[in-house]
C-alpha cells in the first residue's frame, strides 16, 4: 500500500484520487496494523 499510495499520486496518466479516498485507504491500513498488533500482543488463538 506504500507503493500504491506513491504511484497513484505521482502519475500524469490517471486522474488524481480525492483526498477522502486517500484518507480512507490510510485508515484501512492503520486498522489492519492495529488488528495485527492486537493479535500478536494478546496472542489470541483461533
ModelCIF file with pLDDT and N, C-alpha, C, O atoms, coordinates in Angstrom:
data_MODEL
#
_entry.id   MODEL 
#
_entity.id                         1 
_entity.type                       polymer 
_entity.pdbx_number_of_molecules   1 
#
_entity_poly.entity_id                      1 
_entity_poly.type                           'polypeptide(L)' 
_entity_poly.nstd_linkage                   no 
_entity_poly.nstd_monomer                   no 
_entity_poly.pdbx_seq_one_letter_code       
;(UNK)(UNK)(UNK)(UNK)(UNK)(UNK)(UNK)(UNK)(UNK)(UNK)(UNK)(UNK)(UNK)(UNK)(UNK)(UNK)
(UNK)(UNK)(UNK)(UNK)(UNK)(UNK)(UNK)(UNK)(UNK)(UNK)(UNK)(UNK)(UNK)(UNK)(UNK)(UNK)
(UNK)(UNK)(UNK)(UNK)(UNK)(UNK)(UNK)(UNK)(UNK)(UNK)(UNK)(UNK)(UNK)(UNK)
;
_entity_poly.pdbx_seq_one_letter_code_can   XXXXXXXXXXXXXXXXXXXXXXXXXXXXXXXXXXXXXXXXXXXXXX 
_entity_poly.pdbx_strand_id                 A 
#
loop_
_entity_poly_seq.entity_id 
_entity_poly_seq.num 
_entity_poly_seq.mon_id 
_entity_poly_seq.hetero 
1 1  UNK n 
1 2  UNK n 
1 3  UNK n 
1 4  UNK n 
1 5  UNK n 
1 6  UNK n 
1 7  UNK n 
1 8  UNK n 
1 9  UNK n 
1 10 UNK n 
1 11 UNK n 
1 12 UNK n 
1 13 UNK n 
1 14 UNK n 
1 15 UNK n 
1 16 UNK n 
1 17 UNK n 
1 18 UNK n 
1 19 UNK n 
1 20 UNK n 
1 21 UNK n 
1 22 UNK n 
1 23 UNK n 
1 24 UNK n 
1 25 UNK n 
1 26 UNK n 
1 27 UNK n 
1 28 UNK n 
1 29 UNK n 
1 30 UNK n 
1 31 UNK n 
1 32 UNK n 
1 33 UNK n 
1 34 UNK n 
1 35 UNK n 
1 36 UNK n 
1 37 UNK n 
1 38 UNK n 
1 39 UNK n 
1 40 UNK n 
1 41 UNK n 
1 42 UNK n 
1 43 UNK n 
1 44 UNK n 
1 45 UNK n 
1 46 UNK n 
#
_struct_asym.id          A 
_struct_asym.entity_id   1 
#
loop_
_ma_qa_metric.id 
_ma_qa_metric.mode 
_ma_qa_metric.name 
_ma_qa_metric.software_group_id 
_ma_qa_metric.type 
1 global pLDDT . pLDDT 
2 local  pLDDT . pLDDT 
#
_ma_qa_metric_global.metric_id      1 
_ma_qa_metric_global.metric_value   90.59 
_ma_qa_metric_global.model_id       1 
_ma_qa_metric_global.ordinal_id     1 
#
loop_
_ma_qa_metric_local.label_asym_id 
_ma_qa_metric_local.label_comp_id 
_ma_qa_metric_local.label_seq_id 
_ma_qa_metric_local.metric_id 
_ma_qa_metric_local.metric_value 
_ma_qa_metric_local.model_id 
_ma_qa_metric_local.ordinal_id 
A UNK 1  2 98.00 1 1  
A UNK 2  2 98.00 1 2  
A UNK 3  2 97.00 1 3  
A UNK 4  2 97.00 1 4  
A UNK 5  2 97.00 1 5  
A UNK 6  2 96.00 1 6  
A UNK 7  2 94.00 1 7  
A UNK 8  2 93.00 1 8  
A UNK 9  2 91.00 1 9  
A UNK 10 2 88.00 1 10 
A UNK 11 2 84.00 1 11 
A UNK 12 2 82.00 1 12 
A UNK 13 2 83.00 1 13 
A UNK 14 2 89.00 1 14 
A UNK 15 2 90.00 1 15 
A UNK 16 2 91.00 1 16 
A UNK 17 2 94.00 1 17 
A UNK 18 2 94.00 1 18 
A UNK 19 2 93.00 1 19 
A UNK 20 2 95.00 1 20 
A UNK 21 2 96.00 1 21 
A UNK 22 2 96.00 1 22 
A UNK 23 2 96.00 1 23 
A UNK 24 2 96.00 1 24 
A UNK 25 2 97.00 1 25 
A UNK 26 2 97.00 1 26 
A UNK 27 2 97.00 1 27 
A UNK 28 2 98.00 1 28 
A UNK 29 2 98.00 1 29 
A UNK 30 2 98.00 1 30 
A UNK 31 2 98.00 1 31 
A UNK 32 2 98.00 1 32 
A UNK 33 2 98.00 1 33 
A UNK 34 2 97.00 1 34 
A UNK 35 2 97.00 1 35 
A UNK 36 2 97.00 1 36 
A UNK 37 2 95.00 1 37 
A UNK 38 2 94.00 1 38 
A UNK 39 2 93.00 1 39 
A UNK 40 2 88.00 1 40 
A UNK 41 2 86.00 1 41 
A UNK 42 2 78.00 1 42 
A UNK 43 2 67.00 1 43 
A UNK 44 2 59.00 1 44 
A UNK 45 2 57.00 1 45 
A UNK 46 2 52.00 1 46 
#
loop_
_atom_site.group_PDB 
_atom_site.id 
_atom_site.type_symbol 
_atom_site.label_atom_id 
_atom_site.label_alt_id 
_atom_site.label_comp_id 
_atom_site.label_asym_id 
_atom_site.label_entity_id 
_atom_site.label_seq_id 
_atom_site.pdbx_PDB_ins_code 
_atom_site.Cartn_x 
_atom_site.Cartn_y 
_atom_site.Cartn_z 
_atom_site.occupancy 
_atom_site.B_iso_or_equiv 
_atom_site.pdbx_formal_charge 
_atom_site.auth_seq_id 
_atom_site.auth_comp_id 
_atom_site.auth_asym_id 
_atom_site.auth_atom_id 
_atom_site.pdbx_PDB_model_num 
ATOM 1   N N  . UNK A 1 1  ? 0.800   -1.209  0.000   1.00 98.00 ? 1  UNK A N  1 
ATOM 2   C CA . UNK A 1 1  ? 0.000   0.000   0.000   1.00 98.00 ? 1  UNK A CA 1 
ATOM 3   C C  . UNK A 1 1  ? 0.840   1.270   0.000   1.00 98.00 ? 1  UNK A C  1 
ATOM 4   O O  . UNK A 1 1  ? 0.361   2.327   -0.410  1.00 98.00 ? 1  UNK A O  1 
ATOM 5   N N  . UNK A 1 2  ? 2.081   1.178   0.454   1.00 98.00 ? 2  UNK A N  1 
ATOM 6   C CA . UNK A 1 2  ? 3.001   2.292   0.291   1.00 98.00 ? 2  UNK A CA 1 
ATOM 7   C C  . UNK A 1 2  ? 3.258   2.544   -1.190  1.00 98.00 ? 2  UNK A C  1 
ATOM 8   O O  . UNK A 1 2  ? 3.266   3.689   -1.643  1.00 98.00 ? 2  UNK A O  1 
ATOM 9   N N  . UNK A 1 3  ? 3.471   1.452   -1.948  1.00 97.00 ? 3  UNK A N  1 
ATOM 10  C CA . UNK A 1 3  ? 3.686   1.568   -3.388  1.00 97.00 ? 3  UNK A CA 1 
ATOM 11  C C  . UNK A 1 3  ? 2.451   2.113   -4.090  1.00 97.00 ? 3  UNK A C  1 
ATOM 12  O O  . UNK A 1 3  ? 2.560   2.955   -4.981  1.00 97.00 ? 3  UNK A O  1 
ATOM 13  N N  . UNK A 1 4  ? 1.263   1.629   -3.685  1.00 97.00 ? 4  UNK A N  1 
ATOM 14  C CA . UNK A 1 4  ? 0.019   2.090   -4.300  1.00 97.00 ? 4  UNK A CA 1 
ATOM 15  C C  . UNK A 1 4  ? -0.186  3.583   -4.044  1.00 97.00 ? 4  UNK A C  1 
ATOM 16  O O  . UNK A 1 4  ? -0.529  4.327   -4.964  1.00 97.00 ? 4  UNK A O  1 
ATOM 17  N N  . UNK A 1 5  ? 0.019   4.021   -2.814  1.00 97.00 ? 5  UNK A N  1 
ATOM 18  C CA . UNK A 1 5  ? -0.145  5.437   -2.482  1.00 97.00 ? 5  UNK A CA 1 
ATOM 19  C C  . UNK A 1 5  ? 0.845   6.302   -3.255  1.00 97.00 ? 5  UNK A C  1 
ATOM 20  O O  . UNK A 1 5  ? 0.493   7.384   -3.726  1.00 97.00 ? 5  UNK A O  1 
ATOM 21  N N  . UNK A 1 6  ? 2.063   5.832   -3.383  1.00 96.00 ? 6  UNK A N  1 
ATOM 22  C CA . UNK A 1 6  ? 3.086   6.613   -4.083  1.00 96.00 ? 6  UNK A CA 1 
ATOM 23  C C  . UNK A 1 6  ? 2.782   6.742   -5.570  1.00 96.00 ? 6  UNK A C  1 
ATOM 24  O O  . UNK A 1 6  ? 2.756   7.849   -6.109  1.00 96.00 ? 6  UNK A O  1 
ATOM 25  N N  . UNK A 1 7  ? 2.550   5.611   -6.232  1.00 94.00 ? 7  UNK A N  1 
ATOM 26  C CA . UNK A 1 7  ? 2.348   5.641   -7.680  1.00 94.00 ? 7  UNK A CA 1 
ATOM 27  C C  . UNK A 1 7  ? 1.035   6.310   -8.075  1.00 94.00 ? 7  UNK A C  1 
ATOM 28  O O  . UNK A 1 7  ? 0.981   7.021   -9.079  1.00 94.00 ? 7  UNK A O  1 
ATOM 29  N N  . UNK A 1 8  ? -0.021  6.090   -7.297  1.00 93.00 ? 8  UNK A N  1 
ATOM 30  C CA . UNK A 1 8  ? -1.328  6.636   -7.660  1.00 93.00 ? 8  UNK A CA 1 
ATOM 31  C C  . UNK A 1 8  ? -1.391  8.149   -7.532  1.00 93.00 ? 8  UNK A C  1 
ATOM 32  O O  . UNK A 1 8  ? -2.254  8.785   -8.137  1.00 93.00 ? 8  UNK A O  1 
ATOM 33  N N  . UNK A 1 9  ? -0.502  8.724   -6.764  1.00 91.00 ? 9  UNK A N  1 
ATOM 34  C CA . UNK A 1 9  ? -0.485  10.179  -6.576  1.00 91.00 ? 9  UNK A CA 1 
ATOM 35  C C  . UNK A 1 9  ? 0.705   10.850  -7.248  1.00 91.00 ? 9  UNK A C  1 
ATOM 36  O O  . UNK A 1 9  ? 0.931   12.048  -7.074  1.00 91.00 ? 9  UNK A O  1 
ATOM 37  N N  . UNK A 1 10 ? 1.459   10.078  -8.012  1.00 88.00 ? 10 UNK A N  1 
ATOM 38  C CA . UNK A 1 10 ? 2.592   10.626  -8.759  1.00 88.00 ? 10 UNK A CA 1 
ATOM 39  C C  . UNK A 1 10 ? 2.542   10.155  -10.209 1.00 88.00 ? 10 UNK A C  1 
ATOM 40  O O  . UNK A 1 10 ? 3.510   9.599   -10.728 1.00 88.00 ? 10 UNK A O  1 
ATOM 41  N N  . UNK A 1 11 ? 1.426   10.381  -10.840 1.00 84.00 ? 11 UNK A N  1 
ATOM 42  C CA . UNK A 1 11 ? 1.235   9.977   -12.225 1.00 84.00 ? 11 UNK A CA 1 
ATOM 43  C C  . UNK A 1 11 ? 0.452   11.040  -12.978 1.00 84.00 ? 11 UNK A C  1 
ATOM 44  O O  . UNK A 1 11 ? -0.412  11.716  -12.418 1.00 84.00 ? 11 UNK A O  1 
ATOM 45  N N  . UNK A 1 12 ? 0.769   11.170  -14.238 1.00 82.00 ? 12 UNK A N  1 
ATOM 46  C CA . UNK A 1 12 ? 0.036   12.088  -15.107 1.00 82.00 ? 12 UNK A CA 1 
ATOM 47  C C  . UNK A 1 12 ? -0.941  11.343  -16.005 1.00 82.00 ? 12 UNK A C  1 
ATOM 48  O O  . UNK A 1 12 ? -1.663  11.959  -16.789 1.00 82.00 ? 12 UNK A O  1 
ATOM 49  N N  . UNK A 1 13 ? -0.964  10.008  -15.890 1.00 83.00 ? 13 UNK A N  1 
ATOM 50  C CA . UNK A 1 13 ? -1.792  9.199   -16.777 1.00 83.00 ? 13 UNK A CA 1 
ATOM 51  C C  . UNK A 1 13 ? -3.190  8.953   -16.206 1.00 83.00 ? 13 UNK A C  1 
ATOM 52  O O  . UNK A 1 13 ? -4.104  8.565   -16.933 1.00 83.00 ? 13 UNK A O  1 
ATOM 53  N N  . UNK A 1 14 ? -3.350  9.185   -14.882 1.00 89.00 ? 14 UNK A N  1 
ATOM 54  C CA . UNK A 1 14 ? -4.629  8.954   -14.225 1.00 89.00 ? 14 UNK A CA 1 
ATOM 55  C C  . UNK A 1 14 ? -5.114  10.230  -13.550 1.00 89.00 ? 14 UNK A C  1 
ATOM 56  O O  . UNK A 1 14 ? -4.331  11.130  -13.247 1.00 89.00 ? 14 UNK A O  1 
ATOM 57  N N  . UNK A 1 15 ? -6.418  10.287  -13.324 1.00 90.00 ? 15 UNK A N  1 
ATOM 58  C CA . UNK A 1 15 ? -6.966  11.365  -12.514 1.00 90.00 ? 15 UNK A CA 1 
ATOM 59  C C  . UNK A 1 15 ? -6.506  11.188  -11.071 1.00 90.00 ? 15 UNK A C  1 
ATOM 60  O O  . UNK A 1 15 ? -6.371  10.064  -10.590 1.00 90.00 ? 15 UNK A O  1 
ATOM 61  N N  . UNK A 1 16 ? -6.271  12.291  -10.392 1.00 91.00 ? 16 UNK A N  1 
ATOM 62  C CA . UNK A 1 16 ? -5.791  12.246  -9.013  1.00 91.00 ? 16 UNK A CA 1 
ATOM 63  C C  . UNK A 1 16 ? -6.923  11.807  -8.087  1.00 91.00 ? 16 UNK A C  1 
ATOM 64  O O  . UNK A 1 16 ? -8.014  12.374  -8.148  1.00 91.00 ? 16 UNK A O  1 
ATOM 65  N N  . UNK A 1 17 ? -6.686  10.798  -7.219  1.00 94.00 ? 17 UNK A N  1 
ATOM 66  C CA . UNK A 1 17 ? -7.745  10.376  -6.291  1.00 94.00 ? 17 UNK A CA 1 
ATOM 67  C C  . UNK A 1 17 ? -8.114  11.504  -5.329  1.00 94.00 ? 17 UNK A C  1 
ATOM 68  O O  . UNK A 1 17 ? -7.265  12.323  -4.975  1.00 94.00 ? 17 UNK A O  1 
ATOM 69  N N  . UNK A 1 18 ? -9.365  11.546  -4.911  1.00 94.00 ? 18 UNK A N  1 
ATOM 70  C CA . UNK A 1 18 ? -9.788  12.534  -3.938  1.00 94.00 ? 18 UNK A CA 1 
ATOM 71  C C  . UNK A 1 18 ? -9.123  12.286  -2.589  1.00 94.00 ? 18 UNK A C  1 
ATOM 72  O O  . UNK A 1 18 ? -8.777  11.155  -2.247  1.00 94.00 ? 18 UNK A O  1 
ATOM 73  N N  . UNK A 1 19 ? -8.951  13.369  -1.830  1.00 93.00 ? 19 UNK A N  1 
ATOM 74  C CA . UNK A 1 19 ? -8.336  13.241  -0.511  1.00 93.00 ? 19 UNK A CA 1 
ATOM 75  C C  . UNK A 1 19 ? -9.125  12.302  0.393   1.00 93.00 ? 19 UNK A C  1 
ATOM 76  O O  . UNK A 1 19 ? -8.543  11.596  1.218   1.00 93.00 ? 19 UNK A O  1 
ATOM 77  N N  . UNK A 1 20 ? -10.441 12.291  0.240   1.00 95.00 ? 20 UNK A N  1 
ATOM 78  C CA . UNK A 1 20 ? -11.273 11.388  1.037   1.00 95.00 ? 20 UNK A CA 1 
ATOM 79  C C  . UNK A 1 20 ? -10.936 9.925   0.748   1.00 95.00 ? 20 UNK A C  1 
ATOM 80  O O  . UNK A 1 20 ? -10.872 9.100   1.659   1.00 95.00 ? 20 UNK A O  1 
ATOM 81  N N  . UNK A 1 21 ? -10.723 9.619   -0.531  1.00 96.00 ? 21 UNK A N  1 
ATOM 82  C CA . UNK A 1 21 ? -10.351 8.257   -0.917  1.00 96.00 ? 21 UNK A CA 1 
ATOM 83  C C  . UNK A 1 21 ? -9.018  7.860   -0.302  1.00 96.00 ? 21 UNK A C  1 
ATOM 84  O O  . UNK A 1 21 ? -8.883  6.784   0.280   1.00 96.00 ? 21 UNK A O  1 
ATOM 85  N N  . UNK A 1 22 ? -8.028  8.749   -0.440  1.00 96.00 ? 22 UNK A N  1 
ATOM 86  C CA . UNK A 1 22 ? -6.709  8.501   0.143   1.00 96.00 ? 22 UNK A CA 1 
ATOM 87  C C  . UNK A 1 22 ? -6.826  8.343   1.657   1.00 96.00 ? 22 UNK A C  1 
ATOM 88  O O  . UNK A 1 22 ? -6.193  7.467   2.247   1.00 96.00 ? 22 UNK A O  1 
ATOM 89  N N  . UNK A 1 23 ? -7.637  9.193   2.280   1.00 96.00 ? 23 UNK A N  1 
ATOM 90  C CA . UNK A 1 23 ? -7.800  9.147   3.731   1.00 96.00 ? 23 UNK A CA 1 
ATOM 91  C C  . UNK A 1 23 ? -8.341  7.820   4.217   1.00 96.00 ? 23 UNK A C  1 
ATOM 92  O O  . UNK A 1 23 ? -7.859  7.275   5.210   1.00 96.00 ? 23 UNK A O  1 
ATOM 93  N N  . UNK A 1 24 ? -9.353  7.291   3.516   1.00 96.00 ? 24 UNK A N  1 
ATOM 94  C CA . UNK A 1 24 ? -9.937  6.030   3.940   1.00 96.00 ? 24 UNK A CA 1 
ATOM 95  C C  . UNK A 1 24 ? -9.024  4.843   3.643   1.00 96.00 ? 24 UNK A C  1 
ATOM 96  O O  . UNK A 1 24 ? -9.075  3.846   4.364   1.00 96.00 ? 24 UNK A O  1 
ATOM 97  N N  . UNK A 1 25 ? -8.211  4.918   2.628   1.00 97.00 ? 25 UNK A N  1 
ATOM 98  C CA . UNK A 1 25 ? -7.202  3.883   2.394   1.00 97.00 ? 25 UNK A CA 1 
ATOM 99  C C  . UNK A 1 25 ? -6.197  3.861   3.547   1.00 97.00 ? 25 UNK A C  1 
ATOM 100 O O  . UNK A 1 25 ? -5.837  2.794   4.045   1.00 97.00 ? 25 UNK A O  1 
ATOM 101 N N  . UNK A 1 26 ? -5.750  5.040   3.964   1.00 97.00 ? 26 UNK A N  1 
ATOM 102 C CA . UNK A 1 26 ? -4.814  5.127   5.082   1.00 97.00 ? 26 UNK A CA 1 
ATOM 103 C C  . UNK A 1 26 ? -5.452  4.612   6.362   1.00 97.00 ? 26 UNK A C  1 
ATOM 104 O O  . UNK A 1 26 ? -4.806  3.900   7.131   1.00 97.00 ? 26 UNK A O  1 
ATOM 105 N N  . UNK A 1 27 ? -6.723  4.965   6.604   1.00 97.00 ? 27 UNK A N  1 
ATOM 106 C CA . UNK A 1 27 ? -7.438  4.458   7.780   1.00 97.00 ? 27 UNK A CA 1 
ATOM 107 C C  . UNK A 1 27 ? -7.517  2.935   7.736   1.00 97.00 ? 27 UNK A C  1 
ATOM 108 O O  . UNK A 1 27 ? -7.355  2.276   8.763   1.00 97.00 ? 27 UNK A O  1 
ATOM 109 N N  . UNK A 1 28 ? -7.763  2.377   6.557   1.00 98.00 ? 28 UNK A N  1 
ATOM 110 C CA . UNK A 1 28 ? -7.800  0.930   6.401   1.00 98.00 ? 28 UNK A CA 1 
ATOM 111 C C  . UNK A 1 28 ? -6.461  0.287   6.724   1.00 98.00 ? 28 UNK A C  1 
ATOM 112 O O  . UNK A 1 28 ? -6.415  -0.759  7.372   1.00 98.00 ? 28 UNK A O  1 
ATOM 113 N N  . UNK A 1 29 ? -5.367  0.905   6.277   1.00 98.00 ? 29 UNK A N  1 
ATOM 114 C CA . UNK A 1 29 ? -4.024  0.390   6.568   1.00 98.00 ? 29 UNK A CA 1 
ATOM 115 C C  . UNK A 1 29 ? -3.739  0.461   8.066   1.00 98.00 ? 29 UNK A C  1 
ATOM 116 O O  . UNK A 1 29 ? -3.193  -0.480  8.641   1.00 98.00 ? 29 UNK A O  1 
ATOM 117 N N  . UNK A 1 30 ? -4.106  1.572   8.695   1.00 98.00 ? 30 UNK A N  1 
ATOM 118 C CA . UNK A 1 30 ? -3.910  1.728   10.133  1.00 98.00 ? 30 UNK A CA 1 
ATOM 119 C C  . UNK A 1 30 ? -4.726  0.685   10.900  1.00 98.00 ? 30 UNK A C  1 
ATOM 120 O O  . UNK A 1 30 ? -4.228  0.089   11.856  1.00 98.00 ? 30 UNK A O  1 
ATOM 121 N N  . UNK A 1 31 ? -5.978  0.463   10.485  1.00 98.00 ? 31 UNK A N  1 
ATOM 122 C CA . UNK A 1 31 ? -6.841  -0.520  11.147  1.00 98.00 ? 31 UNK A CA 1 
ATOM 123 C C  . UNK A 1 31 ? -6.265  -1.926  11.014  1.00 98.00 ? 31 UNK A C  1 
ATOM 124 O O  . UNK A 1 31 ? -6.282  -2.696  11.974  1.00 98.00 ? 31 UNK A O  1 
ATOM 125 N N  . UNK A 1 32 ? -5.754  -2.267  9.827   1.00 98.00 ? 32 UNK A N  1 
ATOM 126 C CA . UNK A 1 32 ? -5.119  -3.569  9.616   1.00 98.00 ? 32 UNK A CA 1 
ATOM 127 C C  . UNK A 1 32 ? -3.915  -3.719  10.557  1.00 98.00 ? 32 UNK A C  1 
ATOM 128 O O  . UNK A 1 32 ? -3.721  -4.773  11.164  1.00 98.00 ? 32 UNK A O  1 
ATOM 129 N N  . UNK A 1 33 ? -3.117  -2.661  10.671  1.00 98.00 ? 33 UNK A N  1 
ATOM 130 C CA . UNK A 1 33 ? -1.947  -2.670  11.542  1.00 98.00 ? 33 UNK A CA 1 
ATOM 131 C C  . UNK A 1 33 ? -2.346  -2.894  12.993  1.00 98.00 ? 33 UNK A C  1 
ATOM 132 O O  . UNK A 1 33 ? -1.725  -3.695  13.692  1.00 98.00 ? 33 UNK A O  1 
ATOM 133 N N  . UNK A 1 34 ? -3.374  -2.194  13.447  1.00 97.00 ? 34 UNK A N  1 
ATOM 134 C CA . UNK A 1 34 ? -3.833  -2.337  14.824  1.00 97.00 ? 34 UNK A CA 1 
ATOM 135 C C  . UNK A 1 34 ? -4.365  -3.747  15.087  1.00 97.00 ? 34 UNK A C  1 
ATOM 136 O O  . UNK A 1 34 ? -4.127  -4.312  16.154  1.00 97.00 ? 34 UNK A O  1 
ATOM 137 N N  . UNK A 1 35 ? -5.087  -4.314  14.114  1.00 97.00 ? 35 UNK A N  1 
ATOM 138 C CA . UNK A 1 35 ? -5.588  -5.678  14.255  1.00 97.00 ? 35 UNK A CA 1 
ATOM 139 C C  . UNK A 1 35 ? -4.455  -6.684  14.348  1.00 97.00 ? 35 UNK A C  1 
ATOM 140 O O  . UNK A 1 35 ? -4.512  -7.620  15.145  1.00 97.00 ? 35 UNK A O  1 
ATOM 141 N N  . UNK A 1 36 ? -3.431  -6.492  13.535  1.00 97.00 ? 36 UNK A N  1 
ATOM 142 C CA . UNK A 1 36 ? -2.264  -7.368  13.554  1.00 97.00 ? 36 UNK A CA 1 
ATOM 143 C C  . UNK A 1 36 ? -1.556  -7.290  14.906  1.00 97.00 ? 36 UNK A C  1 
ATOM 144 O O  . UNK A 1 36 ? -1.240  -8.315  15.511  1.00 97.00 ? 36 UNK A O  1 
ATOM 145 N N  . UNK A 1 37 ? -1.311  -6.059  15.373  1.00 95.00 ? 37 UNK A N  1 
ATOM 146 C CA . UNK A 1 37 ? -0.636  -5.857  16.657  1.00 95.00 ? 37 UNK A CA 1 
ATOM 147 C C  . UNK A 1 37 ? -1.482  -6.408  17.802  1.00 95.00 ? 37 UNK A C  1 
ATOM 148 O O  . UNK A 1 37 ? -0.951  -7.010  18.736  1.00 95.00 ? 37 UNK A O  1 
ATOM 149 N N  . UNK A 1 38 ? -2.783  -6.205  17.730  1.00 94.00 ? 38 UNK A N  1 
ATOM 150 C CA . UNK A 1 38 ? -3.710  -6.690  18.747  1.00 94.00 ? 38 UNK A CA 1 
ATOM 151 C C  . UNK A 1 38 ? -3.580  -8.199  18.920  1.00 94.00 ? 38 UNK A C  1 
ATOM 152 O O  . UNK A 1 38 ? -3.501  -8.689  20.046  1.00 94.00 ? 38 UNK A O  1 
ATOM 153 N N  . UNK A 1 39 ? -3.558  -8.926  17.829  1.00 93.00 ? 39 UNK A N  1 
ATOM 154 C CA . UNK A 1 39 ? -3.442  -10.370 17.899  1.00 93.00 ? 39 UNK A CA 1 
ATOM 155 C C  . UNK A 1 39 ? -2.064  -10.803 18.396  1.00 93.00 ? 39 UNK A C  1 
ATOM 156 O O  . UNK A 1 39 ? -1.959  -11.726 19.204  1.00 93.00 ? 39 UNK A O  1 
ATOM 157 N N  . UNK A 1 40 ? -1.016  -10.148 17.920  1.00 88.00 ? 40 UNK A N  1 
ATOM 158 C CA . UNK A 1 40 ? 0.341   -10.543 18.296  1.00 88.00 ? 40 UNK A CA 1 
ATOM 159 C C  . UNK A 1 40 ? 0.641   -10.245 19.761  1.00 88.00 ? 40 UNK A C  1 
ATOM 160 O O  . UNK A 1 40 ? 1.382   -10.991 20.403  1.00 88.00 ? 40 UNK A O  1 
ATOM 161 N N  . UNK A 1 41 ? 0.073   -9.159  20.300  1.00 86.00 ? 41 UNK A N  1 
ATOM 162 C CA . UNK A 1 41 ? 0.315   -8.816  21.701  1.00 86.00 ? 41 UNK A CA 1 
ATOM 163 C C  . UNK A 1 41 ? -0.504  -9.704  22.631  1.00 86.00 ? 41 UNK A C  1 
ATOM 164 O O  . UNK A 1 41 ? 0.030   -10.281 23.578  1.00 86.00 ? 41 UNK A O  1 
ATOM 165 N N  . UNK A 1 42 ? -1.792  -9.811  22.359  1.00 78.00 ? 42 UNK A N  1 
ATOM 166 C CA . UNK A 1 42 ? -2.676  -10.595 23.216  1.00 78.00 ? 42 UNK A CA 1 
ATOM 167 C C  . UNK A 1 42 ? -2.575  -12.084 22.940  1.00 78.00 ? 42 UNK A C  1 
ATOM 168 O O  . UNK A 1 42 ? -2.971  -12.906 23.767  1.00 78.00 ? 42 UNK A O  1 
ATOM 169 N N  . UNK A 1 43 ? -2.032  -12.434 21.752  1.00 67.00 ? 43 UNK A N  1 
ATOM 170 C CA . UNK A 1 43 ? -1.852  -13.834 21.366  1.00 67.00 ? 43 UNK A CA 1 
ATOM 171 C C  . UNK A 1 43 ? -3.156  -14.624 21.470  1.00 67.00 ? 43 UNK A C  1 
ATOM 172 O O  . UNK A 1 43 ? -3.210  -15.711 22.046  1.00 67.00 ? 43 UNK A O  1 
ATOM 173 N N  . UNK A 1 44 ? -4.197  -14.039 20.895  1.00 59.00 ? 44 UNK A N  1 
ATOM 174 C CA . UNK A 1 44 ? -5.488  -14.713 20.815  1.00 59.00 ? 44 UNK A CA 1 
ATOM 175 C C  . UNK A 1 44 ? -5.395  -15.802 19.746  1.00 59.00 ? 44 UNK A C  1 
ATOM 176 O O  . UNK A 1 44 ? -4.944  -15.539 18.631  1.00 59.00 ? 44 UNK A O  1 
ATOM 177 N N  . UNK A 1 45 ? -5.813  -17.003 20.075  1.00 57.00 ? 45 UNK A N  1 
ATOM 178 C CA . UNK A 1 45 ? -5.674  -18.117 19.162  1.00 57.00 ? 45 UNK A CA 1 
ATOM 179 C C  . UNK A 1 45 ? -7.012  -18.531 18.573  1.00 57.00 ? 45 UNK A C  1 
ATOM 180 O O  . UNK A 1 45 ? -7.966  -18.775 19.311  1.00 57.00 ? 45 UNK A O  1 
ATOM 181 N N  . UNK A 1 46 ? -7.090  -18.610 17.268  1.00 52.00 ? 46 UNK A N  1 
ATOM 182 C CA . UNK A 1 46 ? -8.278  -19.089 16.584  1.00 52.00 ? 46 UNK A CA 1 
ATOM 183 C C  . UNK A 1 46 ? -7.968  -20.462 16.007  1.00 52.00 ? 46 UNK A C  1 
ATOM 184 O O  . UNK A 1 46 ? -8.829  -21.075 15.377  1.00 52.00 ? 46 UNK A O  1 
#
